[in-house]
Amino acid sequence: GVVEDALRRLIAFKERFAAPKVVALTEPGPPFAS
């Protein structure tokens, strides 16, 4: 329980503040034609 409480808080932090998933590019670049 001691370790798991800290892990739960770390997981919640990561879920809240993690960078968004990278979206695949729809065109070659940069520079982008659009």
Full PDB file with SEQRES, HELIX, SHEET, SSBOND, CRYST1, ORIGX, SCALE, CONECT and MASTER records, all heavy atoms in Angstrom:
SEQRES   1 A   34  GLY VAL VAL GLU ASP ALA LEU ARG ARG LEU ILE ALA PHE          
SEQRES   2 A   34  LYS GLU ARG PHE ALA ALA PRO LYS VAL VAL ALA LEU THR          
SEQRES   3 A   34  GLU PRO GLY PRO PRO PHE ALA SER                              
HELIX    1 AA1 VAL A    2  PHE A   17  1                                  16    
CRYST1    1.000    1.000    1.000  90.00  90.00  90.00 P 1           1          
ORIGX1      1.000000  0.000000  0.000000        0.00000                         
ORIGX2      0.000000  1.000000  0.000000        0.00000                         
ORIGX3      0.000000  0.000000  1.000000        0.00000                         
SCALE1      1.000000  0.000000  0.000000        0.00000                         
SCALE2      0.000000  1.000000  0.000000        0.00000                         
SCALE3      0.000000  0.000000  1.000000        0.00000                         
ATOM      1  N   GLY A   1       0.805  -1.225   0.000  1.00  0.00           N  
ATOM      2  CA  GLY A   1       0.000   0.000   0.000  1.00  0.00           C  
ATOM      3  C   GLY A   1       0.828   1.260   0.000  1.00  0.00           C  
ATOM      4  O   GLY A   1       0.450   2.265  -0.609  1.00  0.00           O  
ATOM      5  N   VAL A   2       1.966   1.241   0.672  1.00  0.00           N  
ATOM      6  CA  VAL A   2       2.824   2.433   0.740  1.00  0.00           C  
ATOM      7  C   VAL A   2       3.331   2.800  -0.653  1.00  0.00           C  
ATOM      8  O   VAL A   2       3.263   3.950  -1.071  1.00  0.00           O  
ATOM      9  CB  VAL A   2       4.012   2.188   1.704  1.00  0.00           C  
ATOM     10  CG1 VAL A   2       5.001   3.337   1.647  1.00  0.00           C  
ATOM     11  CG2 VAL A   2       3.522   1.973   3.119  1.00  0.00           C  
ATOM     12  N   VAL A   3       3.819   1.811  -1.360  1.00  0.00           N  
ATOM     13  CA  VAL A   3       4.363   2.057  -2.695  1.00  0.00           C  
ATOM     14  C   VAL A   3       3.232   2.285  -3.698  1.00  0.00           C  
ATOM     15  O   VAL A   3       3.316   3.163  -4.555  1.00  0.00           O  
ATOM     16  CB  VAL A   3       5.270   0.882  -3.130  1.00  0.00           C  
ATOM     17  CG1 VAL A   3       5.773   1.074  -4.544  1.00  0.00           C  
ATOM     18  CG2 VAL A   3       6.434   0.734  -2.159  1.00  0.00           C  
ATOM     19  N   GLU A   4       2.160   1.541  -3.588  1.00  0.00           N  
ATOM     20  CA  GLU A   4       1.064   1.649  -4.552  1.00  0.00           C  
ATOM     21  C   GLU A   4       0.368   3.000  -4.496  1.00  0.00           C  
ATOM     22  O   GLU A   4      -0.062   3.516  -5.525  1.00  0.00           O  
ATOM     23  CB  GLU A   4       0.070   0.512  -4.342  1.00  0.00           C  
ATOM     24  CG  GLU A   4       0.632  -0.828  -4.788  1.00  0.00           C  
ATOM     25  CD  GLU A   4      -0.226  -2.009  -4.400  1.00  0.00           C  
ATOM     26  OE1 GLU A   4      -1.259  -1.825  -3.715  1.00  0.00           O  
ATOM     27  OE2 GLU A   4       0.136  -3.133  -4.780  1.00  0.00           O  
ATOM     28  N   ASP A   5       0.264   3.603  -3.320  1.00  0.00           N  
ATOM     29  CA  ASP A   5      -0.347   4.935  -3.228  1.00  0.00           C  
ATOM     30  C   ASP A   5       0.457   5.947  -4.056  1.00  0.00           C  
ATOM     31  O   ASP A   5      -0.109   6.735  -4.809  1.00  0.00           O  
ATOM     32  CB  ASP A   5      -0.432   5.399  -1.774  1.00  0.00           C  
ATOM     33  CG  ASP A   5      -1.487   4.666  -0.967  1.00  0.00           C  
ATOM     34  OD1 ASP A   5      -2.357   4.005  -1.575  1.00  0.00           O  
ATOM     35  OD2 ASP A   5      -1.438   4.756   0.277  1.00  0.00           O  
ATOM     36  N   ALA A   6       1.779   5.895  -3.899  1.00  0.00           N  
ATOM     37  CA  ALA A   6       2.635   6.796  -4.672  1.00  0.00           C  
ATOM     38  C   ALA A   6       2.522   6.498  -6.170  1.00  0.00           C  
ATOM     39  O   ALA A   6       2.445   7.418  -6.990  1.00  0.00           O  
ATOM     40  CB  ALA A   6       4.084   6.684  -4.215  1.00  0.00           C  
ATOM     41  N   LEU A   7       2.486   5.223  -6.536  1.00  0.00           N  
ATOM     42  CA  LEU A   7       2.362   4.860  -7.953  1.00  0.00           C  
ATOM     43  C   LEU A   7       1.045   5.348  -8.538  1.00  0.00           C  
ATOM     44  O   LEU A   7       1.005   5.825  -9.675  1.00  0.00           O  
ATOM     45  CB  LEU A   7       2.495   3.350  -8.130  1.00  0.00           C  
ATOM     46  CG  LEU A   7       3.894   2.783  -7.913  1.00  0.00           C  
ATOM     47  CD1 LEU A   7       3.861   1.261  -7.969  1.00  0.00           C  
ATOM     48  CD2 LEU A   7       4.875   3.347  -8.919  1.00  0.00           C  
ATOM     49  N   ARG A   8      -0.045   5.244  -7.777  1.00  0.00           N  
ATOM     50  CA  ARG A   8      -1.342   5.739  -8.262  1.00  0.00           C  
ATOM     51  C   ARG A   8      -1.277   7.242  -8.537  1.00  0.00           C  
ATOM     52  O   ARG A   8      -1.794   7.725  -9.545  1.00  0.00           O  
ATOM     53  CB  ARG A   8      -2.450   5.433  -7.256  1.00  0.00           C  
ATOM     54  CG  ARG A   8      -3.075   4.066  -7.438  1.00  0.00           C  
ATOM     55  CD  ARG A   8      -4.362   3.927  -6.615  1.00  0.00           C  
ATOM     56  NE  ARG A   8      -4.091   3.799  -5.195  1.00  0.00           N  
ATOM     57  CZ  ARG A   8      -3.700   2.681  -4.600  1.00  0.00           C  
ATOM     58  NH1 ARG A   8      -3.529   1.590  -5.302  1.00  0.00           N  
ATOM     59  NH2 ARG A   8      -3.485   2.647  -3.307  1.00  0.00           N  
ATOM     60  N   ARG A   9      -0.636   7.974  -7.646  1.00  0.00           N  
ATOM     61  CA  ARG A   9      -0.521   9.424  -7.860  1.00  0.00           C  
ATOM     62  C   ARG A   9       0.348   9.730  -9.081  1.00  0.00           C  
ATOM     63  O   ARG A   9       0.041  10.644  -9.848  1.00  0.00           O  
ATOM     64  CB  ARG A   9       0.022  10.100  -6.605  1.00  0.00           C  
ATOM     65  CG  ARG A   9      -0.980  10.108  -5.456  1.00  0.00           C  
ATOM     66  CD  ARG A   9      -0.517  10.939  -4.284  1.00  0.00           C  
ATOM     67  NE  ARG A   9       0.683  10.446  -3.643  1.00  0.00           N  
ATOM     68  CZ  ARG A   9       0.705   9.616  -2.604  1.00  0.00           C  
ATOM     69  NH1 ARG A   9      -0.428   9.173  -2.088  1.00  0.00           N  
ATOM     70  NH2 ARG A   9       1.861   9.244  -2.072  1.00  0.00           N  
ATOM     71  N   LEU A  10       1.410   8.970  -9.270  1.00  0.00           N  
ATOM     72  CA  LEU A  10       2.264   9.178 -10.440  1.00  0.00           C  
ATOM     73  C   LEU A  10       1.526   8.864 -11.743  1.00  0.00           C  
ATOM     74  O   LEU A  10       1.651   9.591 -12.731  1.00  0.00           O  
ATOM     75  CB  LEU A  10       3.524   8.324 -10.344  1.00  0.00           C  
ATOM     76  CG  LEU A  10       4.527   8.776  -9.288  1.00  0.00           C  
ATOM     77  CD1 LEU A  10       5.625   7.731  -9.126  1.00  0.00           C  
ATOM     78  CD2 LEU A  10       5.121  10.114  -9.651  1.00  0.00           C  
ATOM     79  N   ILE A  11       0.747   7.807 -11.741  1.00  0.00           N  
ATOM     80  CA  ILE A  11      -0.035   7.446 -12.928  1.00  0.00           C  
ATOM     81  C   ILE A  11      -1.056   8.540 -13.227  1.00  0.00           C  
ATOM     82  O   ILE A  11      -1.228   8.946 -14.383  1.00  0.00           O  
ATOM     83  CB  ILE A  11      -0.703   6.074 -12.748  1.00  0.00           C  
ATOM     84  CG1 ILE A  11       0.367   4.970 -12.771  1.00  0.00           C  
ATOM     85  CG2 ILE A  11      -1.767   5.827 -13.815  1.00  0.00           C  
ATOM     86  CD1 ILE A  11      -0.125   3.616 -12.295  1.00  0.00           C  
ATOM     87  N   ALA A  12      -1.725   9.046 -12.195  1.00  0.00           N  
ATOM     88  CA  ALA A  12      -2.710  10.117 -12.388  1.00  0.00           C  
ATOM     89  C   ALA A  12      -2.032  11.369 -12.943  1.00  0.00           C  
ATOM     90  O   ALA A  12      -2.563  12.033 -13.845  1.00  0.00           O  
ATOM     91  CB  ALA A  12      -3.411  10.429 -11.072  1.00  0.00           C  
ATOM     92  N   PHE A  13      -0.852  11.691 -12.437  1.00  0.00           N  
ATOM     93  CA  PHE A  13      -0.093  12.838 -12.937  1.00  0.00           C  
ATOM     94  C   PHE A  13       0.244  12.652 -14.414  1.00  0.00           C  
ATOM     95  O   PHE A  13       0.046  13.555 -15.231  1.00  0.00           O  
ATOM     96  CB  PHE A  13       1.188  13.001 -12.114  1.00  0.00           C  
ATOM     97  CG  PHE A  13       2.053  14.134 -12.569  1.00  0.00           C  
ATOM     98  CD1 PHE A  13       1.847  15.417 -12.091  1.00  0.00           C  
ATOM     99  CD2 PHE A  13       3.090  13.927 -13.471  1.00  0.00           C  
ATOM    100  CE1 PHE A  13       2.645  16.467 -12.506  1.00  0.00           C  
ATOM    101  CE2 PHE A  13       3.889  14.974 -13.892  1.00  0.00           C  
ATOM    102  CZ  PHE A  13       3.666  16.249 -13.411  1.00  0.00           C  
ATOM    103  N   LYS A  14       0.731  11.478 -14.751  1.00  0.00           N  
ATOM    104  CA  LYS A  14       1.111  11.197 -16.138  1.00  0.00           C  
ATOM    105  C   LYS A  14      -0.105  11.271 -17.065  1.00  0.00           C  
ATOM    106  O   LYS A  14      -0.031  11.834 -18.153  1.00  0.00           O  
ATOM    107  CB  LYS A  14       1.767   9.824 -16.227  1.00  0.00           C  
ATOM    108  CG  LYS A  14       2.264   9.476 -17.601  1.00  0.00           C  
ATOM    109  CD  LYS A  14       2.958   8.135 -17.619  1.00  0.00           C  
ATOM    110  CE  LYS A  14       3.367   7.770 -19.019  1.00  0.00           C  
ATOM    111  NZ  LYS A  14       4.022   6.480 -19.093  1.00  0.00           N  
ATOM    112  N   GLU A  15      -1.225  10.710 -16.631  1.00  0.00           N  
ATOM    113  CA  GLU A  15      -2.430  10.739 -17.470  1.00  0.00           C  
ATOM    114  C   GLU A  15      -2.920  12.164 -17.680  1.00  0.00           C  
ATOM    115  O   GLU A  15      -3.415  12.510 -18.740  1.00  0.00           O  
ATOM    116  CB  GLU A  15      -3.526   9.883 -16.844  1.00  0.00           C  
ATOM    117  CG  GLU A  15      -3.256   8.402 -16.961  1.00  0.00           C  
ATOM    118  CD  GLU A  15      -4.245   7.541 -16.182  1.00  0.00           C  
ATOM    119  OE1 GLU A  15      -5.030   8.081 -15.358  1.00  0.00           O  
ATOM    120  OE2 GLU A  15      -4.219   6.314 -16.386  1.00  0.00           O  
ATOM    121  N   ARG A  16      -2.768  13.007 -16.659  1.00  0.00           N  
ATOM    122  CA  ARG A  16      -3.261  14.380 -16.773  1.00  0.00           C  
ATOM    123  C   ARG A  16      -2.333  15.266 -17.595  1.00  0.00           C  
ATOM    124  O   ARG A  16      -2.781  16.119 -18.350  1.00  0.00           O  
ATOM    125  CB  ARG A  16      -3.446  14.981 -15.388  1.00  0.00           C  
ATOM    126  CG  ARG A  16      -3.965  16.390 -15.431  1.00  0.00           C  
ATOM    127  CD  ARG A  16      -4.392  16.904 -14.107  1.00  0.00           C  
ATOM    128  NE  ARG A  16      -4.869  18.265 -14.250  1.00  0.00           N  
ATOM    129  CZ  ARG A  16      -4.997  19.106 -13.275  1.00  0.00           C  
ATOM    130  NH1 ARG A  16      -4.731  18.720 -12.047  1.00  0.00           N  
ATOM    131  NH2 ARG A  16      -5.417  20.325 -13.488  1.00  0.00           N  
ATOM    132  N   PHE A  17      -1.016  15.087 -17.453  1.00  0.00           N  
ATOM    133  CA  PHE A  17      -0.084  16.033 -18.044  1.00  0.00           C  
ATOM    134  C   PHE A  17       0.785  15.477 -19.171  1.00  0.00           C  
ATOM    135  O   PHE A  17       1.616  16.202 -19.705  1.00  0.00           O  
ATOM    136  CB  PHE A  17       0.830  16.601 -16.955  1.00  0.00           C  
ATOM    137  CG  PHE A  17       0.076  17.419 -15.952  1.00  0.00           C  
ATOM    138  CD1 PHE A  17      -0.143  16.928 -14.674  1.00  0.00           C  
ATOM    139  CD2 PHE A  17      -0.426  18.667 -16.277  1.00  0.00           C  
ATOM    140  CE1 PHE A  17      -0.845  17.672 -13.741  1.00  0.00           C  
ATOM    141  CE2 PHE A  17      -1.132  19.420 -15.352  1.00  0.00           C  
ATOM    142  CZ  PHE A  17      -1.334  18.917 -14.085  1.00  0.00           C  
ATOM    143  N   ALA A  18       0.610  14.222 -19.531  1.00  0.00           N  
ATOM    144  CA  ALA A  18       1.429  13.642 -20.601  1.00  0.00           C  
ATOM    145  C   ALA A  18       1.155  14.359 -21.917  1.00  0.00           C  
ATOM    146  O   ALA A  18       0.049  14.839 -22.165  1.00  0.00           O  
ATOM    147  CB  ALA A  18       1.130  12.153 -20.744  1.00  0.00           C  
ATOM    148  N   ALA A  19       2.165  14.423 -22.740  1.00  0.00           N  
ATOM    149  CA  ALA A  19       2.018  15.031 -24.057  1.00  0.00           C  
ATOM    150  C   ALA A  19       1.011  14.225 -24.869  1.00  0.00           C  
ATOM    151  O   ALA A  19       0.916  13.005 -24.711  1.00  0.00           O  
ATOM    152  CB  ALA A  19       3.362  15.063 -24.774  1.00  0.00           C  
ATOM    153  N   PRO A  20       0.246  14.901 -25.720  1.00  0.00           N  
ATOM    154  CA  PRO A  20      -0.695  14.160 -26.550  1.00  0.00           C  
ATOM    155  C   PRO A  20       0.032  13.211 -27.482  1.00  0.00           C  
ATOM    156  O   PRO A  20       1.204  13.419 -27.800  1.00  0.00           O  
ATOM    157  CB  PRO A  20      -1.420  15.257 -27.347  1.00  0.00           C  
ATOM    158  CG  PRO A  20      -0.530  16.447 -27.268  1.00  0.00           C  
ATOM    159  CD  PRO A  20       0.278  16.316 -26.014  1.00  0.00           C  
ATOM    160  N   LYS A  21      -0.671  12.201 -27.906  1.00  0.00           N  
ATOM    161  CA  LYS A  21      -0.072  11.245 -28.831  1.00  0.00           C  
ATOM    162  C   LYS A  21       0.250  11.943 -30.146  1.00  0.00           C  
ATOM    163  O   LYS A  21      -0.449  12.835 -30.584  1.00  0.00           O  
ATOM    164  CB  LYS A  21      -1.025  10.078 -29.073  1.00  0.00           C  
ATOM    165  CG  LYS A  21      -1.211   9.245 -27.831  1.00  0.00           C  
ATOM    166  CD  LYS A  21      -2.046   8.040 -28.086  1.00  0.00           C  
ATOM    167  CE  LYS A  21      -2.126   7.279 -26.775  1.00  0.00           C  
ATOM    168  NZ  LYS A  21      -2.872   6.101 -26.829  1.00  0.00           N  
ATOM    169  N   VAL A  22       1.325  11.533 -30.753  1.00  0.00           N  
ATOM    170  CA  VAL A  22       1.748  12.121 -32.021  1.00  0.00           C  
ATOM    171  C   VAL A  22       0.804  11.655 -33.120  1.00  0.00           C  
ATOM    172  O   VAL A  22       0.499  10.472 -33.236  1.00  0.00           O  
ATOM    173  CB  VAL A  22       3.201  11.700 -32.347  1.00  0.00           C  
ATOM    174  CG1 VAL A  22       3.623  12.220 -33.706  1.00  0.00           C  
ATOM    175  CG2 VAL A  22       4.126  12.197 -31.257  1.00  0.00           C  
ATOM    176  N   VAL A  23       0.332  12.616 -33.901  1.00  0.00           N  
ATOM    177  CA  VAL A  23      -0.558  12.319 -35.016  1.00  0.00           C  
ATOM    178  C   VAL A  23       0.285  12.155 -36.276  1.00  0.00           C  
ATOM    179  O   VAL A  23       1.182  12.958 -36.541  1.00  0.00           O  
ATOM    180  CB  VAL A  23      -1.582  13.462 -35.203  1.00  0.00           C  
ATOM    181  CG1 VAL A  23      -2.480  13.198 -36.398  1.00  0.00           C  
ATOM    182  CG2 VAL A  23      -2.386  13.654 -33.934  1.00  0.00           C  
ATOM    183  N   ALA A  24      -0.005  11.130 -37.037  1.00  0.00           N  
ATOM    184  CA  ALA A  24       0.743  10.871 -38.267  1.00  0.00           C  
ATOM    185  C   ALA A  24       0.558  12.025 -39.251  1.00  0.00           C  
ATOM    186  O   ALA A  24      -0.526  12.606 -39.346  1.00  0.00           O  
ATOM    187  CB  ALA A  24       0.273   9.571 -38.892  1.00  0.00           C  
ATOM    188  N   LEU A  25       1.610  12.361 -39.962  1.00  0.00           N  
ATOM    189  CA  LEU A  25       1.541  13.423 -40.966  1.00  0.00           C  
ATOM    190  C   LEU A  25       0.713  12.967 -42.155  1.00  0.00           C  
ATOM    191  O   LEU A  25       0.759  11.807 -42.545  1.00  0.00           O  
ATOM    192  CB  LEU A  25       2.948  13.801 -41.426  1.00  0.00           C  
ATOM    193  CG  LEU A  25       3.873  14.383 -40.363  1.00  0.00           C  
ATOM    194  CD1 LEU A  25       5.259  14.631 -40.955  1.00  0.00           C  
ATOM    195  CD2 LEU A  25       3.301  15.670 -39.807  1.00  0.00           C  
ATOM    196  N   THR A  26      -0.032  13.918 -42.726  1.00  0.00           N  
ATOM    197  CA  THR A  26      -0.855  13.590 -43.893  1.00  0.00           C  
ATOM    198  C   THR A  26      -0.178  13.997 -45.200  1.00  0.00           C  
ATOM    199  O   THR A  26      -0.683  13.708 -46.265  1.00  0.00           O  
ATOM    200  CB  THR A  26      -2.227  14.289 -43.799  1.00  0.00           C  
ATOM    201  OG1 THR A  26      -2.007  15.704 -43.676  1.00  0.00           O  
ATOM    202  CG2 THR A  26      -3.018  13.773 -42.612  1.00  0.00           C  
ATOM    203  N   GLU A  27       0.950  14.697 -45.090  1.00  0.00           N  
ATOM    204  CA  GLU A  27       1.699  15.085 -46.276  1.00  0.00           C  
ATOM    205  C   GLU A  27       3.178  15.153 -45.917  1.00  0.00           C  
ATOM    206  O   GLU A  27       3.524  15.367 -44.762  1.00  0.00           O  
ATOM    207  CB  GLU A  27       1.202  16.426 -46.823  1.00  0.00           C  
ATOM    208  CG  GLU A  27       1.390  17.590 -45.866  1.00  0.00           C  
ATOM    209  CD  GLU A  27       0.877  18.909 -46.422  1.00  0.00           C  
ATOM    210  OE1 GLU A  27       1.341  19.322 -47.503  1.00  0.00           O  
ATOM    211  OE2 GLU A  27       0.029  19.515 -45.769  1.00  0.00           O  
ATOM    212  N   PRO A  28       4.058  14.955 -46.912  1.00  0.00           N  
ATOM    213  CA  PRO A  28       5.491  15.014 -46.611  1.00  0.00           C  
ATOM    214  C   PRO A  28       5.925  16.445 -46.294  1.00  0.00           C  
ATOM    215  O   PRO A  28       5.386  17.406 -46.830  1.00  0.00           O  
ATOM    216  CB  PRO A  28       6.144  14.496 -47.890  1.00  0.00           C  
ATOM    217  CG  PRO A  28       5.122  14.676 -48.957  1.00  0.00           C  
ATOM    218  CD  PRO A  28       3.784  14.631 -48.289  1.00  0.00           C  
ATOM    219  N   GLY A  29       6.876  16.588 -45.450  1.00  0.00           N  
ATOM    220  CA  GLY A  29       7.385  17.914 -45.111  1.00  0.00           C  
ATOM    221  C   GLY A  29       8.135  17.839 -43.815  1.00  0.00           C  
ATOM    222  O   GLY A  29       8.309  16.759 -43.269  1.00  0.00           O  
ATOM    223  N   PRO A  30       8.559  18.902 -43.251  1.00  0.00           N  
ATOM    224  CA  PRO A  30       8.436  20.263 -43.781  1.00  0.00           C  
ATOM    225  C   PRO A  30       9.439  20.524 -44.895  1.00  0.00           C  
ATOM    226  O   PRO A  30      10.427  19.807 -44.971  1.00  0.00           O  
ATOM    227  CB  PRO A  30       8.707  21.138 -42.555  1.00  0.00           C  
ATOM    228  CG  PRO A  30       9.495  20.304 -41.617  1.00  0.00           C  
ATOM    229  CD  PRO A  30       9.181  18.881 -41.933  1.00  0.00           C  
ATOM    230  N   PRO A  31       9.252  21.525 -45.703  1.00  0.00           N  
ATOM    231  CA  PRO A  31       8.091  22.410 -45.685  1.00  0.00           C  
ATOM    232  C   PRO A  31       6.855  21.695 -46.242  1.00  0.00           C  
ATOM    233  O   PRO A  31       6.971  20.843 -47.120  1.00  0.00           O  
ATOM    234  CB  PRO A  31       8.496  23.568 -46.585  1.00  0.00           C  
ATOM    235  CG  PRO A  31       9.487  22.972 -47.538  1.00  0.00           C  
ATOM    236  CD  PRO A  31      10.193  21.883 -46.773  1.00  0.00           C  
ATOM    237  N   PHE A  32       5.717  22.033 -45.699  1.00  0.00           N  
ATOM    238  CA  PHE A  32       4.461  21.411 -46.114  1.00  0.00           C  
ATOM    239  C   PHE A  32       3.835  22.206 -47.259  1.00  0.00           C  
ATOM    240  O   PHE A  32       3.790  23.431 -47.221  1.00  0.00           O  
ATOM    241  CB  PHE A  32       3.483  21.348 -44.942  1.00  0.00           C  
ATOM    242  CG  PHE A  32       3.992  20.492 -43.810  1.00  0.00           C  
ATOM    243  CD1 PHE A  32       4.579  21.066 -42.695  1.00  0.00           C  
ATOM    244  CD2 PHE A  32       3.896  19.109 -43.880  1.00  0.00           C  
ATOM    245  CE1 PHE A  32       5.052  20.280 -41.661  1.00  0.00           C  
ATOM    246  CE2 PHE A  32       4.372  18.319 -42.850  1.00  0.00           C  
ATOM    247  CZ  PHE A  32       4.962  18.902 -41.734  1.00  0.00           C  
ATOM    248  N   ALA A  33       3.346  21.486 -48.250  1.00  0.00           N  
ATOM    249  CA  ALA A  33       2.724  22.139 -49.414  1.00  0.00           C  
ATOM    250  C   ALA A  33       1.540  22.992 -48.976  1.00  0.00           C  
ATOM    251  O   ALA A  33       1.347  24.108 -49.475  1.00  0.00           O  
ATOM    252  CB  ALA A  33       2.293  21.091 -50.439  1.00  0.00           C  
ATOM    253  N   SER A  34       0.758  22.508 -48.026  1.00  0.00           N  
ATOM    254  CA  SER A  34      -0.415  23.276 -47.575  1.00  0.00           C  
ATOM    255  C   SER A  34       0.009  24.571 -46.886  1.00  0.00           C  
ATOM    256  O   SER A  34      -0.653  25.605 -47.022  1.00  0.00           O  
ATOM    257  CB  SER A  34      -1.273  22.433 -46.636  1.00  0.00           C  
ATOM    258  OG  SER A  34      -0.527  22.030 -45.499  1.00  0.00           O  
TER     259      SER A  34                                                      
MASTER        0    0    0    1    0    0    0    6  258    1    0    3          
END                                                                             
